[in-house]
Amino acid sequence: MILRDGDLIVLFLLLMVVVFFIIRWWKKADYRPVLTTSDRPIRGEVPLMLEADGFELIAAKQRLPIAVYVGDTSYDSRLYVDFVATRAGNTYLVVLAKEKKPLRFSGAVLRDRFLAHVLAFRADGILYVEPHHGVYKMVSFDVTGVRYAPRRRLASYLIPFILGALITLLIR
């Protein structure tokens, strides 16, 4: 096989394109906000209640800062979570009930109160804990009308590249 003028440049450019797509694929890996784990054991009646039901508490008191822009004006806000728990590979945000502010269980109220938390933290659900009653309720959302674009795998980039290379070799 004899290389002609410019063949090395074309090969170098093709290699750079492949490297570009690999880096792009790697950076688009499943992103979850950083949840700081607690170094000390999490103690209290709520963690004991949840651990008795098979949950593992991995973090306490999480805060996710949010910047809201309206025109040229910026507003700062935060989403707060009391604990973060896991069970069977699923991540749940633990929100404690406030005695002075009871939660009315209806679709609109639950959506307004918890959907932003689930989407922002990319959690599988919310554990709404009523510590004064010693019970919790699991709240999860199924948003069937929303379709997420499937992540493209590395093979979806390599297969066309290999086919193009084979066609180029066959044409010669």
Protein backbone atom coordinates (compact mmCIF):
# COMPACT_ATOMS: atom_id res chain seq x y z
CA MET A 1 0.00 0.00 0.00
CA ILE A 2 1.50 3.27 -1.12
CA LEU A 3 0.67 6.51 0.65
CA ARG A 4 -0.06 9.47 -1.56
CA ASP A 5 0.34 13.15 -0.76
CA GLY A 6 -2.21 14.16 1.85
CA ASP A 7 -3.05 10.64 3.05
CA LEU A 8 -1.38 11.26 6.40
CA ILE A 9 -3.29 14.51 6.81
CA VAL A 10 -6.60 12.77 6.12
CA LEU A 11 -5.75 9.96 8.54
CA PHE A 12 -4.77 12.50 11.19
CA LEU A 13 -8.04 14.42 10.71
CA LEU A 14 -10.07 11.20 10.94
CA LEU A 15 -8.24 10.28 14.13
CA MET A 16 -8.98 13.72 15.58
CA VAL A 17 -12.69 13.31 14.75
CA VAL A 18 -12.77 9.95 16.53
CA VAL A 19 -11.01 11.41 19.57
CA PHE A 20 -13.46 14.31 19.57
CA PHE A 21 -16.47 11.97 19.63
CA ILE A 22 -14.94 9.80 22.35
CA ILE A 23 -14.31 12.85 24.56
CA ARG A 24 -17.80 14.15 23.84
CA TRP A 25 -19.33 10.79 24.77
CA TRP A 26 -17.24 10.61 27.93
CA LYS A 27 -18.26 14.11 29.08
CA LYS A 28 -21.94 13.34 28.49
CA ALA A 29 -21.84 10.41 30.89
CA ASP A 30 -24.80 10.18 33.26
CA TYR A 31 -24.61 13.35 35.29
CA ARG A 32 -25.89 13.51 38.84
CA PRO A 33 -25.40 16.52 41.05
CA VAL A 34 -22.68 16.05 43.60
CA LEU A 35 -24.18 14.88 46.85
CA THR A 36 -21.80 15.31 49.70
CA THR A 37 -21.71 12.22 51.84
CA SER A 38 -21.52 12.48 55.59
CA ASP A 39 -18.25 11.46 57.20
CA ARG A 40 -19.90 10.95 60.57
CA PRO A 41 -22.67 8.44 61.15
CA ILE A 42 -26.12 9.95 60.78
CA ARG A 43 -28.04 9.54 64.02
CA GLY A 44 -31.55 10.25 65.18
CA GLU A 45 -34.99 8.71 65.19
CA VAL A 46 -35.59 9.34 61.48
CA PRO A 47 -32.39 7.57 60.34
CA LEU A 48 -33.16 4.65 62.69
CA MET A 49 -36.70 4.35 61.30
CA LEU A 50 -35.48 4.39 57.70
CA GLU A 51 -32.57 2.01 58.35
CA ALA A 52 -35.04 -0.43 59.95
CA ASP A 53 -36.87 -0.50 56.59
CA GLY A 54 -33.68 -1.20 54.63
CA PHE A 55 -32.63 2.30 53.61
CA GLU A 56 -29.04 3.44 53.93
CA LEU A 57 -28.65 7.12 54.71
CA ILE A 58 -25.68 8.51 52.81
CA ALA A 59 -25.99 12.24 53.42
CA ALA A 60 -27.65 14.80 55.62
CA LYS A 61 -28.76 18.40 54.97
CA GLN A 62 -28.26 18.86 51.24
CA ARG A 63 -28.61 22.25 49.60
CA LEU A 64 -28.68 22.85 45.85
CA PRO A 65 -28.18 26.52 44.87
CA ILE A 66 -30.27 27.78 41.96
CA ALA A 67 -29.97 31.03 40.01
CA VAL A 68 -33.15 32.31 38.38
CA TYR A 69 -32.91 34.95 35.67
CA VAL A 70 -35.77 37.21 34.61
CA GLY A 71 -34.57 39.63 31.98
CA ASP A 72 -31.50 41.34 33.42
CA THR A 73 -32.41 40.56 37.02
CA SER A 74 -30.97 37.58 38.87
CA TYR A 75 -32.62 35.85 41.82
CA ASP A 76 -30.91 33.31 44.03
CA SER A 77 -32.74 30.36 45.53
CA ARG A 78 -32.02 26.90 46.93
CA LEU A 79 -33.57 23.48 47.13
CA TYR A 80 -33.19 21.85 50.53
CA VAL A 81 -33.28 18.18 51.44
CA ASP A 82 -33.00 16.82 54.98
CA PHE A 83 -31.35 13.47 54.11
CA VAL A 84 -30.41 11.37 51.11
CA ALA A 85 -31.08 7.64 51.32
CA THR A 86 -30.48 4.67 49.04
CA ARG A 87 -32.10 1.27 48.76
CA ALA A 88 -31.73 -1.35 46.05
CA GLY A 89 -29.70 1.00 43.86
CA ASN A 90 -32.32 3.77 43.99
CA THR A 91 -31.70 7.20 45.47
CA TYR A 92 -34.36 8.89 47.56
CA LEU A 93 -34.50 12.40 48.97
CA VAL A 94 -35.78 12.52 52.54
CA VAL A 95 -37.97 15.49 53.43
CA LEU A 96 -39.22 15.90 56.98
CA ALA A 97 -42.79 17.04 57.60
CA LYS A 98 -43.27 20.30 59.45
CA GLU A 99 -45.86 20.15 62.25
CA LYS A 100 -46.97 23.73 61.64
CA LYS A 101 -47.17 23.26 57.86
CA PRO A 102 -48.95 19.97 57.06
CA LEU A 103 -48.83 18.70 53.49
CA ARG A 104 -52.12 18.09 51.71
CA PHE A 105 -51.79 15.03 49.49
CA SER A 106 -53.10 15.91 46.05
CA GLY A 107 -51.48 15.67 42.66
CA ALA A 108 -51.00 19.42 42.23
CA VAL A 109 -49.59 19.96 45.72
CA LEU A 110 -47.17 17.03 45.45
CA ARG A 111 -46.04 18.19 42.01
CA ASP A 112 -45.47 21.77 43.15
CA ARG A 113 -43.67 20.71 46.33
CA PHE A 114 -41.50 17.78 45.17
CA LEU A 115 -41.14 17.51 41.38
CA ALA A 116 -38.41 20.16 41.22
CA HIS A 117 -36.42 18.25 43.86
CA VAL A 118 -36.69 14.95 42.00
CA LEU A 119 -35.69 16.50 38.67
CA ALA A 120 -32.88 18.68 40.05
CA PHE A 121 -31.26 15.96 42.16
CA ARG A 122 -32.16 13.23 39.63
CA ALA A 123 -33.56 11.11 42.42
CA ASP A 124 -35.87 8.13 42.11
CA GLY A 125 -38.34 9.54 44.60
CA ILE A 126 -39.03 11.37 47.83
CA LEU A 127 -39.44 9.89 51.29
CA TYR A 128 -41.82 12.23 53.08
CA VAL A 129 -41.24 11.49 56.76
CA GLU A 130 -43.64 12.46 59.53
CA PRO A 131 -41.35 12.00 62.55
CA HIS A 132 -44.04 12.89 65.10
CA HIS A 133 -46.17 9.97 63.81
CA GLY A 134 -43.23 7.65 63.07
CA VAL A 135 -44.28 7.01 59.46
CA TYR A 136 -43.06 7.89 55.99
CA LYS A 137 -44.63 7.93 52.56
CA MET A 138 -42.76 7.29 49.33
CA VAL A 139 -43.56 9.80 46.60
CA SER A 140 -42.43 9.05 43.05
CA PHE A 141 -43.24 10.56 39.69
CA ASP A 142 -43.93 8.92 36.35
CA VAL A 143 -43.77 11.56 33.65
CA THR A 144 -44.99 9.54 30.69
CA GLY A 145 -45.38 12.47 28.29
CA VAL A 146 -41.70 13.40 28.47
CA ARG A 147 -39.24 11.52 26.32
CA TYR A 148 -35.56 11.73 26.97
CA ALA A 149 -33.22 11.37 24.03
CA PRO A 150 -31.41 8.05 24.37
CA ARG A 151 -27.74 8.28 25.10
CA ARG A 152 -25.68 7.41 22.08
CA ARG A 153 -23.23 4.66 22.74
CA LEU A 154 -19.66 4.60 21.51
CA ALA A 155 -20.61 1.93 19.00
CA SER A 156 -22.98 4.34 17.24
CA TYR A 157 -19.95 6.49 16.42
CA LEU A 158 -17.46 3.72 15.68
CA ILE A 159 -19.64 1.65 13.34
CA PRO A 160 -20.10 4.44 10.73
CA PHE A 161 -16.40 5.28 11.03
CA ILE A 162 -15.36 1.66 10.41
CA LEU A 163 -17.85 1.31 7.54
CA GLY A 164 -16.49 4.50 5.97
CA ALA A 165 -12.93 3.24 6.32
CA LEU A 166 -13.87 -0.11 4.71
CA ILE A 167 -15.63 1.61 1.81
CA THR A 168 -12.60 3.83 1.31
CA LEU A 169 -10.31 0.78 1.20
CA LEU A 170 -12.62 -1.07 -1.23
CA ILE A 171 -12.83 1.90 -3.60
CA ARG A 172 -9.05 1.98 -4.00
